[in-house]
Amino acid sequence: MTTCVSQDVEDSEIYGFLRPHYSSEQKGHVLLSLSVCLSRFHPPVPPELVRVHFVELAESKPNGNSAAVLPSLKQMDEDPGHDCDSTADSETDVS
């Protein structure tokens, strides 16, 4: 399993890419680990400010770089007002 995370400081968003396709149990582990990590921040991170989306990549190259993302995800990148809930496989609040 590979996890790659980058943070967009301006929008206070963290983007993570997980490979290969994660099972429900693995996604649960990621959410629990993130929750534990965020619980250690002082001052605490308000739970309503944290959302996690698992979005499947269309394909990936053998070297691990993304070859393409789903067209609806590209639209999210081009349209800052786009609601990403419509493209997420699952969305979970971490609290």
N, C-alpha and C. Protein backbone atom coordinates (compact mmCIF):
# COMPACT_ATOMS: atom_id res chain seq x y z
N MET A 1 0.84 -1.18 0.00
CA MET A 1 0.00 0.00 0.00
C MET A 1 0.88 1.24 0.00
N THR A 2 0.48 2.22 -0.77
CA THR A 2 1.21 3.48 -0.84
C THR A 2 0.27 4.61 -0.48
N THR A 3 0.75 5.52 0.33
CA THR A 3 -0.01 6.71 0.66
C THR A 3 0.85 7.92 0.32
N CYS A 4 0.29 8.83 -0.43
CA CYS A 4 0.99 10.06 -0.79
C CYS A 4 0.07 11.22 -0.43
N VAL A 5 0.55 12.14 0.37
CA VAL A 5 -0.30 13.23 0.83
C VAL A 5 0.36 14.55 0.49
N SER A 6 -0.43 15.49 0.00
CA SER A 6 0.05 16.85 -0.21
C SER A 6 -0.97 17.80 0.37
N GLN A 7 -0.50 18.93 0.86
CA GLN A 7 -1.40 19.88 1.49
C GLN A 7 -1.46 21.16 0.69
N ASP A 8 -2.68 21.64 0.49
CA ASP A 8 -2.91 22.93 -0.15
C ASP A 8 -3.18 23.91 0.99
N VAL A 9 -2.16 24.64 1.41
CA VAL A 9 -2.25 25.49 2.59
C VAL A 9 -3.30 26.58 2.41
N GLU A 10 -3.40 27.13 1.22
CA GLU A 10 -4.33 28.23 0.99
C GLU A 10 -5.77 27.82 1.28
N ASP A 11 -6.16 26.62 0.86
CA ASP A 11 -7.53 26.16 1.07
C ASP A 11 -7.66 25.26 2.29
N SER A 12 -6.56 25.03 3.01
CA SER A 12 -6.55 24.14 4.18
C SER A 12 -7.09 22.77 3.83
N GLU A 13 -6.66 22.23 2.71
CA GLU A 13 -7.09 20.90 2.29
C GLU A 13 -5.87 20.01 2.16
N ILE A 14 -6.04 18.75 2.50
CA ILE A 14 -5.00 17.75 2.32
C ILE A 14 -5.51 16.73 1.33
N TYR A 15 -4.72 16.46 0.30
CA TYR A 15 -5.09 15.48 -0.71
C TYR A 15 -4.21 14.26 -0.52
N GLY A 16 -4.81 13.09 -0.44
CA GLY A 16 -4.05 11.87 -0.29
C GLY A 16 -4.43 10.88 -1.37
N PHE A 17 -3.46 10.14 -1.84
CA PHE A 17 -3.70 9.14 -2.88
C PHE A 17 -3.27 7.80 -2.33
N LEU A 18 -4.17 6.86 -2.32
CA LEU A 18 -3.93 5.55 -1.74
C LEU A 18 -3.96 4.50 -2.83
N ARG A 19 -2.93 3.65 -2.86
CA ARG A 19 -2.88 2.56 -3.83
C ARG A 19 -2.51 1.30 -3.10
N PRO A 20 -2.94 0.15 -3.47
CA PRO A 20 -3.96 -0.12 -4.49
C PRO A 20 -5.34 0.22 -3.93
N HIS A 21 -6.38 -0.23 -4.64
CA HIS A 21 -7.75 0.00 -4.17
C HIS A 21 -7.89 -0.52 -2.75
N TYR A 22 -8.38 0.30 -1.84
CA TYR A 22 -8.48 -0.09 -0.43
C TYR A 22 -9.80 -0.79 -0.15
N SER A 23 -9.75 -1.79 0.71
CA SER A 23 -10.96 -2.47 1.16
C SER A 23 -11.64 -1.59 2.22
N SER A 24 -12.84 -1.94 2.61
CA SER A 24 -13.56 -1.20 3.65
C SER A 24 -12.77 -1.19 4.95
N GLU A 25 -12.13 -2.32 5.27
CA GLU A 25 -11.35 -2.41 6.50
C GLU A 25 -10.13 -1.48 6.45
N GLN A 26 -9.49 -1.42 5.29
CA GLN A 26 -8.32 -0.55 5.14
C GLN A 26 -8.73 0.92 5.20
N LYS A 27 -9.86 1.26 4.60
CA LYS A 27 -10.35 2.63 4.68
C LYS A 27 -10.66 2.99 6.13
N GLY A 28 -11.25 2.05 6.86
CA GLY A 28 -11.53 2.26 8.28
C GLY A 28 -10.26 2.52 9.06
N HIS A 29 -9.20 1.79 8.74
CA HIS A 29 -7.91 1.98 9.41
C HIS A 29 -7.36 3.38 9.12
N VAL A 30 -7.45 3.82 7.86
CA VAL A 30 -6.98 5.16 7.50
C VAL A 30 -7.76 6.21 8.29
N LEU A 31 -9.08 6.06 8.37
CA LEU A 31 -9.91 7.02 9.10
C LEU A 31 -9.58 7.04 10.58
N LEU A 32 -9.39 5.86 11.18
CA LEU A 32 -9.06 5.79 12.60
C LEU A 32 -7.69 6.42 12.86
N SER A 33 -6.72 6.13 12.01
CA SER A 33 -5.38 6.70 12.17
C SER A 33 -5.42 8.22 12.06
N LEU A 34 -6.19 8.74 11.11
CA LEU A 34 -6.32 10.18 10.96
C LEU A 34 -6.99 10.79 12.18
N SER A 35 -8.02 10.13 12.69
CA SER A 35 -8.72 10.61 13.87
C SER A 35 -7.79 10.68 15.08
N VAL A 36 -6.98 9.64 15.27
CA VAL A 36 -6.02 9.63 16.38
C VAL A 36 -5.00 10.75 16.21
N CYS A 37 -4.51 10.93 15.00
CA CYS A 37 -3.54 11.99 14.72
C CYS A 37 -4.13 13.37 15.04
N LEU A 38 -5.34 13.63 14.56
CA LEU A 38 -5.97 14.93 14.77
C LEU A 38 -6.33 15.17 16.23
N SER A 39 -6.56 14.10 16.98
CA SER A 39 -6.91 14.25 18.40
C SER A 39 -5.74 14.78 19.22
N ARG A 40 -4.54 14.72 18.68
CA ARG A 40 -3.34 15.16 19.40
C ARG A 40 -3.01 16.63 19.16
N PHE A 41 -3.75 17.29 18.28
CA PHE A 41 -3.49 18.71 18.01
C PHE A 41 -4.00 19.57 19.16
N HIS A 42 -3.22 20.61 19.49
CA HIS A 42 -3.65 21.59 20.48
C HIS A 42 -3.40 22.96 19.89
N PRO A 43 -4.39 23.81 19.74
CA PRO A 43 -5.80 23.56 20.08
C PRO A 43 -6.38 22.48 19.18
N PRO A 44 -7.44 21.83 19.66
CA PRO A 44 -8.03 20.72 18.90
C PRO A 44 -8.63 21.16 17.57
N VAL A 45 -8.63 20.23 16.63
CA VAL A 45 -9.24 20.46 15.32
C VAL A 45 -10.73 20.18 15.44
N PRO A 46 -11.59 21.16 15.15
CA PRO A 46 -13.04 20.91 15.22
C PRO A 46 -13.44 19.82 14.22
N PRO A 47 -14.14 18.77 14.67
CA PRO A 47 -14.49 17.66 13.78
C PRO A 47 -15.28 18.07 12.55
N GLU A 48 -16.07 19.14 12.65
CA GLU A 48 -16.87 19.56 11.50
C GLU A 48 -16.01 20.16 10.38
N LEU A 49 -14.74 20.41 10.65
CA LEU A 49 -13.85 20.93 9.62
C LEU A 49 -13.10 19.84 8.87
N VAL A 50 -13.32 18.59 9.24
CA VAL A 50 -12.58 17.48 8.63
C VAL A 50 -13.54 16.59 7.86
N ARG A 51 -13.26 16.41 6.57
CA ARG A 51 -14.02 15.48 5.73
C ARG A 51 -13.02 14.63 4.96
N VAL A 52 -13.34 13.38 4.81
CA VAL A 52 -12.47 12.46 4.08
C VAL A 52 -13.26 11.89 2.92
N HIS A 53 -12.67 11.92 1.73
CA HIS A 53 -13.28 11.35 0.54
C HIS A 53 -12.33 10.29 0.00
N PHE A 54 -12.86 9.15 -0.37
CA PHE A 54 -12.09 8.14 -1.07
C PHE A 54 -12.57 8.17 -2.52
N VAL A 55 -11.69 8.58 -3.42
CA VAL A 55 -12.03 8.72 -4.83
C VAL A 55 -11.11 7.79 -5.63
N GLU A 56 -11.71 6.93 -6.43
CA GLU A 56 -10.93 5.96 -7.18
C GLU A 56 -10.29 6.59 -8.41
N LEU A 57 -9.00 6.30 -8.62
CA LEU A 57 -8.32 6.75 -9.83
C LEU A 57 -8.74 5.86 -10.99
N ALA A 58 -8.79 6.42 -12.18
CA ALA A 58 -9.15 5.64 -13.36
C ALA A 58 -8.08 4.60 -13.66
N GLU A 59 -6.82 4.96 -13.52
CA GLU A 59 -5.71 4.04 -13.76
C GLU A 59 -4.47 4.62 -13.11
N SER A 60 -3.43 3.81 -13.03
CA SER A 60 -2.17 4.31 -12.50
C SER A 60 -1.02 3.64 -13.24
N LYS A 61 0.06 4.37 -13.40
CA LYS A 61 1.24 3.85 -14.10
C LYS A 61 2.02 2.93 -13.16
N PRO A 62 2.83 2.02 -13.70
CA PRO A 62 3.61 1.11 -12.86
C PRO A 62 4.56 1.82 -11.89
N ASN A 63 5.02 3.02 -12.25
CA ASN A 63 5.94 3.74 -11.36
C ASN A 63 5.20 4.44 -10.22
N GLY A 64 3.88 4.29 -10.17
CA GLY A 64 3.10 4.87 -9.08
C GLY A 64 2.51 6.23 -9.37
N ASN A 65 2.88 6.87 -10.47
CA ASN A 65 2.31 8.17 -10.81
C ASN A 65 0.94 7.99 -11.45
N SER A 66 0.06 8.88 -11.15
CA SER A 66 -1.28 8.81 -11.71
C SER A 66 -1.24 9.08 -13.20
N ALA A 67 -1.82 8.19 -13.98
CA ALA A 67 -1.90 8.40 -15.43
C ALA A 67 -3.13 9.21 -15.77
N ALA A 68 -4.20 8.97 -15.07
CA ALA A 68 -5.46 9.67 -15.35
C ALA A 68 -6.35 9.57 -14.12
N VAL A 69 -7.21 10.54 -13.99
CA VAL A 69 -8.22 10.47 -12.95
C VAL A 69 -9.58 10.46 -13.63
N LEU A 70 -10.57 10.07 -12.88
CA LEU A 70 -11.91 10.05 -13.44
C LEU A 70 -12.27 11.44 -13.96
N PRO A 71 -12.98 11.55 -15.09
CA PRO A 71 -13.33 12.87 -15.65
C PRO A 71 -14.04 13.78 -14.66
N SER A 72 -14.89 13.22 -13.82
CA SER A 72 -15.61 14.06 -12.86
C SER A 72 -14.67 14.65 -11.83
N LEU A 73 -13.57 13.95 -11.51
CA LEU A 73 -12.59 14.48 -10.57
C LEU A 73 -11.80 15.62 -11.22
N LYS A 74 -11.49 15.49 -12.52
CA LYS A 74 -10.83 16.59 -13.22
C LYS A 74 -11.71 17.83 -13.20
N GLN A 75 -13.01 17.63 -13.34
CA GLN A 75 -13.94 18.76 -13.32
C GLN A 75 -13.86 19.46 -11.97
N MET A 76 -13.72 18.69 -10.88
CA MET A 76 -13.60 19.29 -9.55
C MET A 76 -12.39 20.21 -9.50
N ASP A 77 -11.28 19.79 -10.12
CA ASP A 77 -10.06 20.57 -10.11
C ASP A 77 -10.23 21.85 -10.92
N GLU A 78 -10.98 21.80 -12.02
CA GLU A 78 -11.17 22.95 -12.89
C GLU A 78 -12.25 23.90 -12.38
N ASP A 79 -13.18 23.40 -11.59
CA ASP A 79 -14.31 24.19 -11.10
C ASP A 79 -14.26 24.23 -9.58
N PRO A 80 -13.68 25.30 -8.98
CA PRO A 80 -13.54 25.34 -7.54
C PRO A 80 -14.87 25.31 -6.80
N GLY A 81 -15.96 25.65 -7.45
CA GLY A 81 -17.26 25.63 -6.79
C GLY A 81 -17.94 24.29 -6.85
N HIS A 82 -17.33 23.31 -7.50
CA HIS A 82 -17.94 21.99 -7.67
C HIS A 82 -18.01 21.26 -6.34
N ASP A 83 -19.13 20.63 -6.06
CA ASP A 83 -19.31 19.86 -4.84
C ASP A 83 -18.71 18.48 -5.03
N CYS A 84 -17.66 18.19 -4.31
CA CYS A 84 -16.95 16.93 -4.51
C CYS A 84 -17.73 15.73 -3.98
N ASP A 85 -18.82 15.92 -3.26
CA ASP A 85 -19.60 14.79 -2.76
C ASP A 85 -20.13 13.93 -3.89
N SER A 86 -20.38 14.52 -5.06
CA SER A 86 -20.98 13.76 -6.15
C SER A 86 -20.02 12.79 -6.80
N THR A 87 -18.70 12.92 -6.55
CA THR A 87 -17.74 12.02 -7.17
C THR A 87 -17.09 11.08 -6.18
N ALA A 88 -17.39 11.22 -4.92
CA ALA A 88 -16.71 10.41 -3.91
C ALA A 88 -17.33 9.02 -3.83
N ASP A 89 -16.45 8.01 -3.72
CA ASP A 89 -16.93 6.66 -3.45
C ASP A 89 -17.58 6.62 -2.08
N SER A 90 -16.95 7.29 -1.14
CA SER A 90 -17.52 7.39 0.19
C SER A 90 -16.98 8.64 0.83
N GLU A 91 -17.76 9.22 1.71
CA GLU A 91 -17.35 10.41 2.43
C GLU A 91 -17.57 10.13 3.90
N THR A 92 -16.61 10.49 4.71
CA THR A 92 -16.73 10.22 6.13
C THR A 92 -16.22 11.41 6.90
N ASP A 93 -16.97 11.82 7.92
CA ASP A 93 -16.48 12.82 8.85
C ASP A 93 -15.60 12.11 9.85
N VAL A 94 -14.46 12.70 10.16
CA VAL A 94 -13.55 12.12 11.14
C VAL A 94 -13.77 12.87 12.44
N SER A 95 -14.29 12.19 13.44
CA SER A 95 -14.49 12.83 14.74
C SER A 95 -14.25 11.86 15.86
